[in-house]
Amino acid sequence: MALDNLTIEIITRHLREQLVGSSFGKPLALTEFDYGFPYSEVMEDGSIKHGTFIFSMNPTGPFFTYSYDRYTKIDDTSPFFNSLKKMSMSTITSVKKLKGERIITISMSANSNDLSEINTGYDFVIELFPNRPNCYIIAYPYGRIVSLYRERTNIEKGLFVARNTIYSYPNEREVLPETLTDIEEARHYLNNSLYRHLKTYIDEGKSSLNEALANLHESDSLFFDGKEILPFDFGIPEIKKIKPEGIYSSLVADQKALAKQNKERALIALIEKAIKVSEKKNNNLKEDLQQARVNMVYLEYGQTIYLYQGEITKGDKLLEKDGYSIPLNPFLDGPNNANRYFKRYSKAKSAITILQELIIKSADETEYLKKKLTEAQDGTPRDIQELKSELLEQGYIKEKSVKGHINKVNKRKTYEPHYLILPTGKIGFGMNGLQNEELTFKIALKDSLFLHVKDYPGSHVVILDGSDDDETLLTACELALYLSHLSDGEIMVTEKRNVKKNPEKIGLVSILRYETIMIKNIRQESLSLFRKTLKG
């Protein structure tokens, strides 16, 4: 979907009424490609006009518009996004479209109250070219590009668009004439999609060519056919009239979901990297343990040398006795060579004990991180925020310093778990380690049934009411599997009194004794219930 020139012209006219005289607030990152600027203006009657200017650099369909909706922000620390902050508090003076081109220029004066601001104003130029959209911040009085979305360099064509260069507008192009003698002449002025709509409209006898052209030129309305924004309805039965402020919600079906996905993507990448590091560490520890066990032979080396010490003199490099070929230090006598191997044996023996403990801790860390990966994929925005708090506490996320201040993830005293209410009982479950510990060690009673998938990362599931009911127990088992992204498996079931905290990792536990229940598949009605519960 790419906006045509006529559609862009209509949006520009509406946007001009919205923005001119208004001031930009702090920029927002909405999705991977979409950005926004809140704007506001105090009107003569004292009321405040406000909204959000939005532009998209999505190569498959760049666009711009405004909206009155509220949006979920995502984290963006890219140089381009940070540069957008230059235009905060600037007052918009004009909104223009380059004749015949998909290029918009928003001019603004810089905030005169900011003594640190050396620029008097900016032009924000947006190129809505499909497959290669771009935008530029041009600062005045110098008239040079201070930031841009993508640098464009082609030495063969003499193209070099980067910071500190002058932005050159392309030549204006002719726009669609109001009269033509043949529909083929319109092809030169319209994009392929709009030309096809116009041709179909005329070929089906719904209008003459000149009447259709007049309708296109006179239109100040926009229409949405489910795929693209058009400047005229072309007699399409299912097409809907759309206001400019509704463009974003039409083209981006669920911004909140996209923002959540973006947040999850960054967090998931961090956790996946931590898992790789933990697994590599575990493998290295296992290799060291294997070598330490091999080195236990040094005890026999030392004993053999001690037994045959009378046959060893300084200068000897090898002792071959009792099936061993033992390297010797030629600068040492027999007893000192023996003591050298005894020390190596003691070191290997100590290493085995230490390495075995480290391997257990490393395995716990890997299991813990795999739990976090599942939680990041399934959690609600609240769950994700709490998960970040947990990872911050565990040292996997570092506090970011912003202008000398520490930006800490908010921490609450309690982390309320989720609940599944059944006619036969009540089941609690956690979506991160903090919720798991809140549920298991603060909410659950000693005789509450605790469930967890056997030998697999997953959530704590606790039957808070209805432990004696078979249906509640079966549903709780299915829920444990579902939260581990499994369809079948063994579920450990025990009373909460048999569950002990792992002092190293939040949410990890040791189960002293338990019984198991084998679930071969999750019932369809349970799946529907779980999806509905997690969505809510």
Protein backbone atom coordinates (compact mmCIF):
# COMPACT_ATOMS: atom_id res chain seq x y z
CA MET A 1 0.00 0.00 0.00
CA ALA A 2 1.48 3.33 -1.08
CA LEU A 3 -0.29 6.68 -0.85
CA ASP A 4 -0.81 8.41 -4.19
CA ASN A 5 -0.27 12.12 -4.75
CA LEU A 6 -3.97 13.01 -4.62
CA THR A 7 -4.43 11.21 -1.29
CA ILE A 8 -1.32 12.87 0.11
CA GLU A 9 -2.66 16.26 -0.97
CA ILE A 10 -5.93 15.69 0.92
CA ILE A 11 -4.13 14.52 4.06
CA THR A 12 -1.80 17.52 3.83
CA ARG A 13 -4.71 19.97 3.76
CA HIS A 14 -6.27 18.41 6.85
CA LEU A 15 -2.92 18.14 8.60
CA ARG A 16 -2.20 21.80 7.93
CA GLU A 17 -5.35 22.76 9.84
CA GLN A 18 -4.26 20.56 12.74
CA LEU A 19 -0.59 21.44 13.04
CA VAL A 20 -0.01 25.07 12.05
CA GLY A 21 0.23 27.09 15.26
CA SER A 22 0.64 23.97 17.41
CA SER A 23 3.76 22.85 19.26
CA PHE A 24 5.33 19.42 19.21
CA GLY A 25 5.81 17.45 22.43
CA LYS A 26 8.35 14.69 23.00
CA PRO A 27 8.54 12.12 20.17
CA LEU A 28 7.05 8.65 20.54
CA ALA A 29 8.26 5.37 19.05
CA LEU A 30 5.10 3.40 18.27
CA THR A 31 6.34 0.35 16.36
CA GLU A 32 9.48 -0.71 14.53
CA PHE A 33 8.71 1.77 11.72
CA ASP A 34 6.14 4.18 13.15
CA TYR A 35 6.80 7.39 15.07
CA GLY A 36 4.64 10.12 16.53
CA PHE A 37 4.71 13.64 17.93
CA PRO A 38 2.01 14.77 20.35
CA TYR A 39 0.95 18.30 19.43
CA SER A 40 -1.13 20.91 21.22
CA GLU A 41 -2.32 24.49 20.77
CA VAL A 42 -4.18 26.83 23.11
CA MET A 43 -7.13 28.26 21.19
CA GLU A 44 -8.63 31.75 21.55
CA ASP A 45 -11.49 30.47 23.70
CA GLY A 46 -9.01 28.87 26.13
CA SER A 47 -9.60 25.32 24.97
CA ILE A 48 -6.67 23.14 23.96
CA LYS A 49 -6.46 21.43 20.59
CA HIS A 50 -4.30 18.35 20.74
CA GLY A 51 -3.56 15.12 18.92
CA THR A 52 -0.66 13.04 17.65
CA PHE A 53 1.13 13.55 14.35
CA ILE A 54 2.21 10.15 13.01
CA PHE A 55 4.57 9.16 10.23
CA SER A 56 5.59 5.68 9.12
CA MET A 57 8.84 4.63 7.46
CA ASN A 58 7.50 1.16 6.66
CA PRO A 59 8.97 0.42 3.20
CA THR A 60 5.91 -1.58 2.12
CA GLY A 61 3.60 1.39 2.69
CA PRO A 62 4.96 4.63 4.16
CA PHE A 63 2.32 7.14 5.25
CA PHE A 64 1.64 10.14 7.48
CA THR A 65 -1.45 11.29 9.32
CA TYR A 66 -2.70 12.49 12.69
CA SER A 67 -4.82 10.86 15.36
CA TYR A 68 -6.69 11.57 18.58
CA ASP A 69 -6.06 8.10 20.03
CA ARG A 70 -3.64 7.17 22.79
CA TYR A 71 -0.77 4.82 22.03
CA THR A 72 1.65 2.48 23.77
CA LYS A 73 5.26 3.61 23.55
CA ILE A 74 8.14 1.28 22.81
CA ASP A 75 11.79 1.71 23.77
CA ASP A 76 13.94 3.19 21.02
CA THR A 77 17.49 4.35 21.65
CA SER A 78 18.51 4.69 18.01
CA PRO A 79 20.37 7.87 16.97
CA PHE A 80 17.52 8.75 14.60
CA PHE A 81 14.85 8.58 17.30
CA ASN A 82 17.00 10.56 19.72
CA SER A 83 17.48 13.23 17.07
CA LEU A 84 13.70 13.69 16.81
CA LYS A 85 13.85 15.21 20.28
CA LYS A 86 15.41 18.31 18.69
CA MET A 87 11.96 19.26 17.42
CA SER A 88 10.25 19.02 20.82
CA MET A 89 8.61 22.29 21.86
CA SER A 90 8.99 23.69 18.33
CA THR A 91 6.02 25.59 16.90
CA ILE A 92 4.76 24.50 13.47
CA THR A 93 4.60 27.36 10.96
CA SER A 94 3.66 25.54 7.74
CA VAL A 95 2.82 22.16 6.21
CA LYS A 96 3.51 21.85 2.48
CA LYS A 97 3.49 19.17 -0.20
CA LEU A 98 5.89 19.34 -3.13
CA LYS A 99 3.83 19.63 -6.30
CA GLY A 100 3.54 16.29 -8.06
CA GLU A 101 5.82 14.51 -5.57
CA ARG A 102 5.28 12.38 -2.47
CA ILE A 103 7.28 14.77 -0.32
CA ILE A 104 5.95 16.69 2.69
CA THR A 105 7.71 19.52 4.50
CA ILE A 106 6.73 20.57 8.01
CA SER A 107 8.43 23.84 8.95
CA MET A 108 8.74 24.96 12.54
CA SER A 109 10.44 27.55 14.69
CA ALA A 110 12.63 26.36 17.55
CA ASN A 111 11.68 26.94 21.16
CA SER A 112 13.01 30.46 21.91
CA ASN A 113 12.99 29.76 25.67
CA ASP A 114 15.64 27.08 25.33
CA LEU A 115 18.93 28.95 25.77
CA SER A 116 20.91 25.83 24.83
CA GLU A 117 19.24 25.64 21.41
CA ILE A 118 21.49 27.10 18.71
CA ASN A 119 19.06 26.44 15.83
CA THR A 120 16.35 28.96 14.98
CA GLY A 121 14.06 26.43 13.34
CA TYR A 122 13.70 23.19 11.42
CA ASP A 123 12.25 21.71 8.27
CA PHE A 124 11.07 18.15 8.73
CA VAL A 125 11.02 16.61 5.25
CA ILE A 126 9.23 13.29 4.74
CA GLU A 127 9.69 11.30 1.52
CA LEU A 128 6.84 8.81 1.13
CA PHE A 129 8.45 6.77 -1.65
CA PRO A 130 7.50 3.08 -1.44
CA ASN A 131 10.45 0.73 -0.81
CA ARG A 132 12.74 3.67 0.05
CA PRO A 133 10.97 6.08 2.39
CA ASN A 134 13.11 8.61 4.21
CA CYS A 135 12.88 11.70 6.37
CA TYR A 136 15.27 14.49 7.24
CA ILE A 137 15.68 17.15 9.90
CA ILE A 138 17.09 20.31 8.33
CA ALA A 139 18.28 22.94 10.82
CA TYR A 140 18.36 26.67 10.25
CA PRO A 141 20.01 29.13 9.83
CA TYR A 142 22.55 26.71 8.32
CA GLY A 143 20.09 24.85 6.11
CA ARG A 144 21.90 21.53 6.50
CA ILE A 145 20.69 18.03 7.37
CA VAL A 146 21.32 17.37 11.07
CA SER A 147 19.64 13.96 11.08
CA LEU A 148 17.96 11.52 8.71
CA TYR A 149 16.29 8.11 8.83
CA ARG A 150 18.56 6.46 6.23
CA GLU A 151 21.70 7.70 4.53
CA ARG A 152 21.62 7.32 0.75
CA THR A 153 24.92 7.02 -1.09
CA ASN A 154 25.53 6.02 -4.69
CA ILE A 155 28.92 7.13 -5.95
CA GLU A 156 28.18 6.12 -9.55
CA LYS A 157 25.09 8.34 -9.64
CA GLY A 158 26.73 11.10 -7.62
CA LEU A 159 24.20 10.63 -4.84
CA PHE A 160 25.33 11.47 -1.34
CA VAL A 161 22.67 12.31 1.26
CA ALA A 162 24.00 12.34 4.80
CA ARG A 163 24.34 14.53 7.86
CA ASN A 164 25.82 17.99 7.30
CA THR A 165 24.89 17.99 3.62
CA ILE A 166 22.38 20.23 1.85
CA TYR A 167 19.00 18.64 1.09
CA SER A 168 17.97 19.14 -2.53
CA TYR A 169 14.32 18.79 -3.47
CA PRO A 170 13.63 17.02 -6.77
CA ASN A 171 11.98 19.06 -9.53
CA GLU A 172 8.25 19.55 -9.25
CA ARG A 173 6.18 17.29 -11.49
CA GLU A 174 2.99 17.92 -13.35
CA VAL A 175 -0.18 16.95 -11.54
CA LEU A 176 -3.21 15.20 -13.00
CA PRO A 177 -4.91 17.60 -15.47
CA GLU A 178 -8.60 18.34 -15.01
CA THR A 179 -9.36 17.26 -18.61
CA LEU A 180 -7.92 14.46 -20.72
CA THR A 181 -8.90 12.98 -24.06
CA ASP A 182 -7.92 9.38 -23.23
CA ILE A 183 -7.69 7.35 -20.03
CA GLU A 184 -4.18 6.19 -21.01
CA GLU A 185 -2.95 9.76 -20.55
CA ALA A 186 -3.78 9.50 -16.83
CA ARG A 187 -1.26 6.68 -16.37
CA HIS A 188 1.58 9.22 -16.35
CA TYR A 189 0.15 11.08 -13.34
CA LEU A 190 -1.24 8.28 -11.14
CA ASN A 191 0.24 5.31 -9.36
CA ASN A 192 -0.68 1.88 -10.69
CA SER A 193 -3.38 1.17 -8.12
CA LEU A 194 -5.21 4.48 -8.54
CA TYR A 195 -4.99 4.22 -12.32
CA ARG A 196 -6.60 0.73 -12.22
CA HIS A 197 -9.45 2.01 -10.02
CA LEU A 198 -10.04 4.96 -12.34
CA LYS A 199 -9.98 2.81 -15.48
CA THR A 200 -12.39 0.24 -13.99
CA TYR A 201 -14.70 3.05 -12.87
CA ILE A 202 -14.88 4.41 -16.43
CA ASP A 203 -14.89 1.04 -18.24
CA GLU A 204 -17.89 -0.09 -16.16
CA GLY A 205 -19.78 2.98 -17.34
CA LYS A 206 -20.09 4.54 -13.90
CA SER A 207 -18.69 7.87 -15.14
CA SER A 208 -17.18 9.66 -18.08
CA LEU A 209 -13.44 10.38 -18.03
CA ASN A 210 -13.74 14.14 -17.45
CA GLU A 211 -16.44 13.71 -14.82
CA ALA A 212 -14.24 11.22 -12.97
CA LEU A 213 -11.28 13.60 -13.18
CA ALA A 214 -13.43 16.42 -11.81
CA ASN A 215 -14.51 14.19 -8.90
CA LEU A 216 -10.88 13.39 -8.11
CA HIS A 217 -9.87 17.06 -8.11
CA GLU A 218 -12.84 18.21 -6.04
CA SER A 219 -12.65 15.45 -3.45
CA ASP A 220 -11.61 16.39 0.06
CA SER A 221 -12.54 13.02 1.51
CA LEU A 222 -10.64 9.78 1.94
CA PHE A 223 -11.85 6.21 1.50
CA PHE A 224 -10.56 2.83 2.72
CA ASP A 225 -11.20 -0.38 0.78
CA GLY A 226 -9.64 -2.65 3.38
CA LYS A 227 -6.18 -2.46 1.85
CA GLU A 228 -5.38 1.11 0.84
CA ILE A 229 -6.42 4.73 1.27
CA LEU A 230 -8.04 6.29 -1.84
CA PRO A 231 -9.05 9.87 -2.68
CA PHE A 232 -12.41 8.82 -4.16
CA ASP A 233 -14.87 5.93 -3.69
CA PHE A 234 -14.95 4.91 -7.42
CA GLY A 235 -18.36 3.36 -6.81
CA ILE A 236 -16.83 0.42 -4.93
CA PRO A 237 -19.70 -1.14 -2.89
CA GLU A 238 -17.65 -2.20 0.17
CA ILE A 239 -15.49 0.92 0.41
CA LYS A 240 -15.81 3.08 3.54
CA LYS A 241 -15.32 6.78 4.02
CA ILE A 242 -12.54 7.49 6.45
CA LYS A 243 -11.38 10.59 8.28
CA PRO A 244 -7.66 11.42 8.30
CA GLU A 245 -7.54 10.80 12.05
CA GLY A 246 -8.71 7.23 11.40
CA ILE A 247 -5.95 6.32 8.94
CA TYR A 248 -3.52 4.94 11.50
CA SER A 249 -6.03 2.66 13.21
CA SER A 250 -7.12 1.39 9.77
CA LEU A 251 -3.62 0.63 8.51
CA VAL A 252 -2.20 -0.55 11.85
CA ALA A 253 -4.83 -2.90 13.26
CA ASP A 254 -3.48 -3.23 16.81
CA GLN A 255 -0.69 -0.83 17.75
CA LYS A 256 -0.70 -1.96 21.37
CA ALA A 257 -0.10 -5.55 20.30
CA LEU A 258 2.72 -4.46 17.97
CA ALA A 259 4.28 -2.38 20.75
CA LYS A 260 4.05 -5.37 23.10
CA GLN A 261 5.68 -7.59 20.48
CA ASN A 262 8.49 -5.08 20.08
CA LYS A 263 9.09 -4.97 23.83
CA GLU A 264 8.96 -8.76 23.99
CA ARG A 265 11.36 -9.05 21.05
CA ALA A 266 14.03 -6.97 22.81
CA LEU A 267 13.57 -8.81 26.09
CA ILE A 268 13.50 -12.22 24.42
CA ALA A 269 16.74 -11.43 22.54
CA LEU A 270 18.39 -10.50 25.85
CA ILE A 271 17.21 -13.71 27.53
CA GLU A 272 18.21 -15.90 24.56
CA LYS A 273 21.69 -14.39 24.66
CA ALA A 274 21.91 -15.06 28.40
CA ILE A 275 20.83 -18.68 27.82
CA LYS A 276 23.60 -19.19 25.24
CA VAL A 277 26.17 -17.76 27.65
CA SER A 278 24.88 -19.96 30.48
CA GLU A 279 24.90 -23.11 28.34
CA LYS A 280 28.43 -22.37 27.11
CA LYS A 281 29.54 -21.82 30.70
CA ASN A 282 27.95 -25.13 31.71
CA ASN A 283 29.71 -26.99 28.87
CA ASN A 284 33.05 -25.45 29.84
CA LEU A 285 32.54 -26.48 33.47
CA LYS A 286 31.72 -30.06 32.38
CA GLU A 287 34.91 -30.17 30.28
CA ASP A 288 36.92 -28.92 33.26
CA LEU A 289 35.29 -31.57 35.47
CA GLN A 290 36.12 -34.30 32.99
CA GLN A 291 39.75 -33.15 32.92
CA ALA A 292 39.86 -32.98 36.73
CA ARG A 293 38.67 -36.59 36.89
CA VAL A 294 41.37 -37.59 34.42
CA ASN A 295 43.91 -35.81 36.62
CA MET A 296 42.98 -38.03 39.58
CA VAL A 297 45.57 -40.45 38.14
CA TYR A 298 48.19 -38.11 39.60
CA LEU A 299 47.72 -39.89 42.95
CA GLU A 300 48.91 -43.14 41.38
CA TYR A 301 51.74 -41.28 39.61
CA GLY A 302 52.94 -39.90 42.93
CA GLN A 303 52.68 -43.25 44.70
CA THR A 304 54.58 -45.01 41.91
CA ILE A 305 57.36 -42.40 41.95
CA TYR A 306 57.56 -42.64 45.75
CA LEU A 307 57.81 -46.44 45.53
CA TYR A 308 60.67 -46.29 43.01
CA GLN A 309 62.34 -43.13 44.26
CA GLY A 310 65.61 -44.94 44.78
CA GLU A 311 65.87 -45.55 41.04
CA ILE A 312 65.31 -41.86 40.15
CA THR A 313 68.12 -39.33 39.93
CA LYS A 314 68.12 -35.68 38.89
CA GLY A 315 68.18 -35.42 35.13
CA ASP A 316 65.70 -38.27 34.56
CA LYS A 317 62.78 -37.24 32.34
CA LEU A 318 60.58 -40.35 32.42
CA LEU A 319 59.73 -43.20 34.78
CA GLU A 320 58.23 -46.32 33.24
CA LYS A 321 56.93 -48.67 35.93
CA ASP A 322 53.82 -50.78 36.57
CA GLY A 323 52.34 -49.92 33.19
CA TYR A 324 52.74 -46.13 33.64
CA SER A 325 54.91 -43.76 31.62
CA ILE A 326 55.28 -40.88 34.04
CA PRO A 327 56.92 -37.60 32.92
CA LEU A 328 59.47 -36.31 35.44
CA ASN A 329 60.94 -32.90 36.12
CA PRO A 330 64.67 -33.42 35.45
CA PHE A 331 65.59 -30.71 37.98
CA LEU A 332 63.91 -32.58 40.85
CA ASP A 333 64.77 -35.80 42.69
CA GLY A 334 62.32 -38.68 43.28
CA PRO A 335 60.55 -37.45 46.45
CA ASN A 336 60.05 -33.92 45.06
CA ASN A 337 58.67 -35.32 41.79
CA ALA A 338 56.28 -37.44 43.84
CA ASN A 339 55.17 -34.44 45.92
CA ARG A 340 54.61 -32.49 42.70
CA TYR A 341 52.06 -35.09 41.55
CA PHE A 342 50.45 -35.31 45.00
CA LYS A 343 49.78 -31.55 44.86
CA ARG A 344 48.27 -31.89 41.40
CA TYR A 345 46.07 -34.70 42.70
CA SER A 346 44.89 -32.57 45.64
CA LYS A 347 44.12 -29.72 43.28
CA ALA A 348 42.11 -32.02 40.98
CA LYS A 349 40.24 -33.54 43.94
CA SER A 350 39.26 -30.08 45.21
CA ALA A 351 38.32 -28.96 41.71
CA ILE A 352 35.91 -31.87 41.31
CA THR A 353 33.94 -30.82 44.40
CA ILE A 354 33.88 -27.15 43.35
CA LEU A 355 33.06 -27.88 39.72
CA GLN A 356 30.18 -30.21 40.61
CA GLU A 357 28.61 -27.42 42.69
CA LEU A 358 29.18 -24.86 39.91
CA ILE A 359 27.63 -27.19 37.32
CA ILE A 360 24.49 -27.55 39.48
CA LYS A 361 24.29 -23.76 39.84
CA SER A 362 24.89 -23.29 36.10
CA ALA A 363 22.15 -25.80 35.28
CA ASP A 364 19.80 -23.95 37.64
CA GLU A 365 20.67 -20.70 35.88
CA THR A 366 19.91 -22.19 32.46
CA GLU A 367 16.62 -23.62 33.72
CA TYR A 368 15.77 -20.26 35.28
CA LEU A 369 16.49 -18.38 32.04
CA LYS A 370 14.42 -20.82 30.00
CA LYS A 371 11.54 -20.11 32.37
CA LYS A 372 12.03 -16.40 31.73
CA LEU A 373 11.93 -17.00 27.99
CA THR A 374 8.51 -18.65 28.25
CA GLU A 375 7.28 -15.88 30.55
CA ALA A 376 8.43 -13.15 28.15
CA GLN A 377 6.51 -14.80 25.32
CA ASP A 378 3.24 -15.18 27.24
CA GLY A 379 3.10 -12.29 29.68
CA THR A 380 0.74 -9.34 29.73
CA PRO A 381 2.28 -5.80 29.84
CA ARG A 382 2.17 -5.98 33.65
CA ASP A 383 3.86 -9.38 33.63
CA ILE A 384 6.58 -8.10 31.29
CA GLN A 385 7.22 -5.07 33.50
CA GLU A 386 7.52 -7.29 36.56
CA LEU A 387 9.76 -9.67 34.65
CA LYS A 388 12.08 -6.75 33.89
CA SER A 389 12.13 -5.93 37.60
CA GLU A 390 13.08 -9.52 38.33
CA LEU A 391 15.84 -9.62 35.71
CA LEU A 392 17.13 -6.29 37.01
CA GLU A 393 17.28 -7.73 40.53
CA GLN A 394 19.06 -10.84 39.22
CA GLY A 395 21.59 -8.74 37.29
CA TYR A 396 20.57 -9.69 33.74
CA ILE A 397 19.34 -6.15 32.99
CA LYS A 398 21.47 -3.16 33.88
CA GLU A 399 20.05 0.10 35.14
CA LYS A 400 20.29 2.78 32.48
CA SER A 401 21.79 6.11 33.40
CA VAL A 402 19.95 9.05 31.85
CA LYS A 403 21.48 12.50 32.36
CA GLY A 404 23.18 11.41 35.55
CA HIS A 405 20.07 9.77 37.02
CA ILE A 406 19.41 6.08 37.45
CA ASN A 407 16.34 4.91 35.59
CA LYS A 408 15.12 2.06 37.79
CA VAL A 409 12.40 -0.38 36.85
CA ASN A 410 9.48 0.23 39.18
CA LYS A 411 9.27 -2.26 42.01
CA ARG A 412 6.11 -3.03 43.97
CA LYS A 413 5.81 -4.67 47.36
CA THR A 414 3.55 -7.42 46.01
CA TYR A 415 3.33 -9.13 42.64
CA GLU A 416 -0.21 -10.41 42.23
CA PRO A 417 -0.36 -13.72 40.34
CA HIS A 418 -3.11 -14.67 37.89
CA TYR A 419 -6.17 -16.71 38.77
CA LEU A 420 -8.35 -19.20 36.94
CA ILE A 421 -11.82 -19.36 38.49
CA LEU A 422 -13.71 -22.62 37.91
CA PRO A 423 -17.15 -23.74 39.11
CA THR A 424 -15.30 -26.39 41.10
CA GLY A 425 -12.37 -24.37 42.45
CA LYS A 426 -9.76 -21.63 42.13
CA ILE A 427 -6.32 -22.04 40.56
CA GLY A 428 -3.48 -19.53 40.89
CA PHE A 429 -0.53 -19.33 38.51
CA GLY A 430 2.48 -17.06 38.08
CA MET A 431 3.72 -15.48 34.86
CA ASN A 432 7.16 -14.53 36.21
CA GLY A 433 9.40 -15.49 39.12
CA LEU A 434 8.15 -12.71 41.36
CA GLN A 435 4.53 -13.80 40.89
CA ASN A 436 5.52 -17.45 41.37
CA GLU A 437 7.10 -16.71 44.75
CA GLU A 438 4.18 -14.49 45.79
CA LEU A 439 1.75 -17.29 44.95
CA THR A 440 3.66 -20.23 46.41
CA PHE A 441 5.21 -18.72 49.52
CA LYS A 442 2.77 -15.96 50.54
CA ILE A 443 -0.67 -16.88 49.20
CA ALA A 444 -0.73 -20.69 49.18
CA LEU A 445 -1.46 -22.59 52.38
CA LYS A 446 0.78 -25.39 53.57
CA ASP A 447 -1.65 -28.04 52.35
CA SER A 448 -2.45 -26.31 49.01
CA LEU A 449 -1.60 -28.50 46.03
CA PHE A 450 1.44 -27.28 44.10
CA LEU A 451 1.91 -28.38 40.46
CA HIS A 452 4.81 -28.06 38.04
CA VAL A 453 5.79 -29.77 34.80
CA LYS A 454 8.42 -32.42 35.52
CA ASP A 455 11.93 -31.72 34.20
CA TYR A 456 10.83 -28.72 32.14
CA PRO A 457 10.70 -24.92 32.65
CA GLY A 458 7.26 -23.67 33.61
CA SER A 459 5.03 -21.69 35.92
CA HIS A 460 4.03 -22.43 39.49
CA VAL A 461 0.43 -23.62 39.52
CA VAL A 462 -1.36 -23.84 42.88
CA ILE A 463 -4.88 -25.09 43.57
CA LEU A 464 -6.13 -22.57 46.12
CA ASP A 465 -9.64 -23.98 46.37
CA GLY A 466 -11.01 -27.34 45.22
CA SER A 467 -7.96 -29.56 45.82
CA ASP A 468 -10.21 -32.56 46.41
CA ASP A 469 -12.01 -32.17 43.08
CA ASP A 470 -10.77 -34.30 40.16
CA GLU A 471 -11.91 -31.80 37.52
CA THR A 472 -10.00 -28.95 39.20
CA LEU A 473 -6.88 -31.11 39.50
CA LEU A 474 -7.08 -32.16 35.84
CA THR A 475 -7.52 -28.55 34.70
CA ALA A 476 -4.57 -27.45 36.85
CA CYS A 477 -2.39 -30.15 35.27
CA GLU A 478 -3.43 -29.03 31.80
CA LEU A 479 -2.72 -25.40 32.73
CA ALA A 480 0.80 -26.29 33.87
CA LEU A 481 1.45 -27.94 30.50
CA TYR A 482 -0.09 -25.02 28.58
CA LEU A 483 2.08 -22.47 30.37
CA SER A 484 5.15 -24.54 29.42
CA HIS A 485 4.04 -24.64 25.75
CA LEU A 486 3.55 -28.41 25.96
CA SER A 487 0.58 -30.55 24.93
CA ASP A 488 1.50 -33.63 26.97
CA GLY A 489 3.85 -34.59 29.78
CA GLU A 490 4.26 -35.50 33.44
CA ILE A 491 3.05 -33.11 36.11
CA MET A 492 4.56 -33.13 39.61
CA VAL A 493 1.91 -32.72 42.30
CA THR A 494 2.68 -32.13 45.97
CA GLU A 495 1.56 -30.10 48.95
CA LYS A 496 3.09 -26.66 49.21
CA ARG A 497 4.84 -27.70 52.48
CA ASN A 498 7.16 -29.88 50.34
CA VAL A 499 8.31 -26.97 48.15
CA LYS A 500 11.47 -25.07 49.14
CA LYS A 501 12.92 -21.88 47.69
CA ASN A 502 16.10 -21.86 45.66
CA PRO A 503 18.23 -19.18 47.36
CA GLU A 504 20.08 -18.36 44.14
CA LYS A 505 17.28 -17.65 41.64
CA ILE A 506 13.87 -16.06 42.04
CA GLY A 507 11.08 -18.51 41.30
CA LEU A 508 13.22 -21.65 41.24
CA VAL A 509 12.28 -24.27 43.83
CA SER A 510 13.24 -27.69 45.12
CA ILE A 511 10.48 -30.26 45.60
CA LEU A 512 11.24 -32.67 48.42
CA ARG A 513 8.69 -35.32 47.45
CA TYR A 514 5.88 -35.53 44.94
CA GLU A 515 3.59 -37.73 42.87
CA THR A 516 3.19 -37.48 39.12
CA ILE A 517 0.18 -37.34 36.84
CA MET A 518 0.60 -38.10 33.12
CA ILE A 519 -1.43 -35.91 30.76
CA LYS A 520 -1.58 -37.09 27.15
CA ASN A 521 -3.40 -34.11 25.69
CA ILE A 522 -5.08 -30.84 26.72
CA ARG A 523 -8.82 -30.77 26.17
CA GLN A 524 -10.13 -28.24 23.65
CA GLU A 525 -12.43 -26.59 26.20
CA SER A 526 -9.44 -26.12 28.50
CA LEU A 527 -7.40 -24.54 25.71
CA SER A 528 -10.19 -22.05 25.02
CA LEU A 529 -10.44 -21.21 28.72
CA PHE A 530 -6.67 -20.70 29.09
CA ARG A 531 -6.45 -18.45 26.01
CA LYS A 532 -9.32 -16.34 27.25
CA THR A 533 -7.81 -16.08 30.74
CA LEU A 534 -4.34 -15.09 29.51
CA LYS A 535 -5.78 -12.59 27.04
CA GLY A 536 -7.72 -10.94 29.82
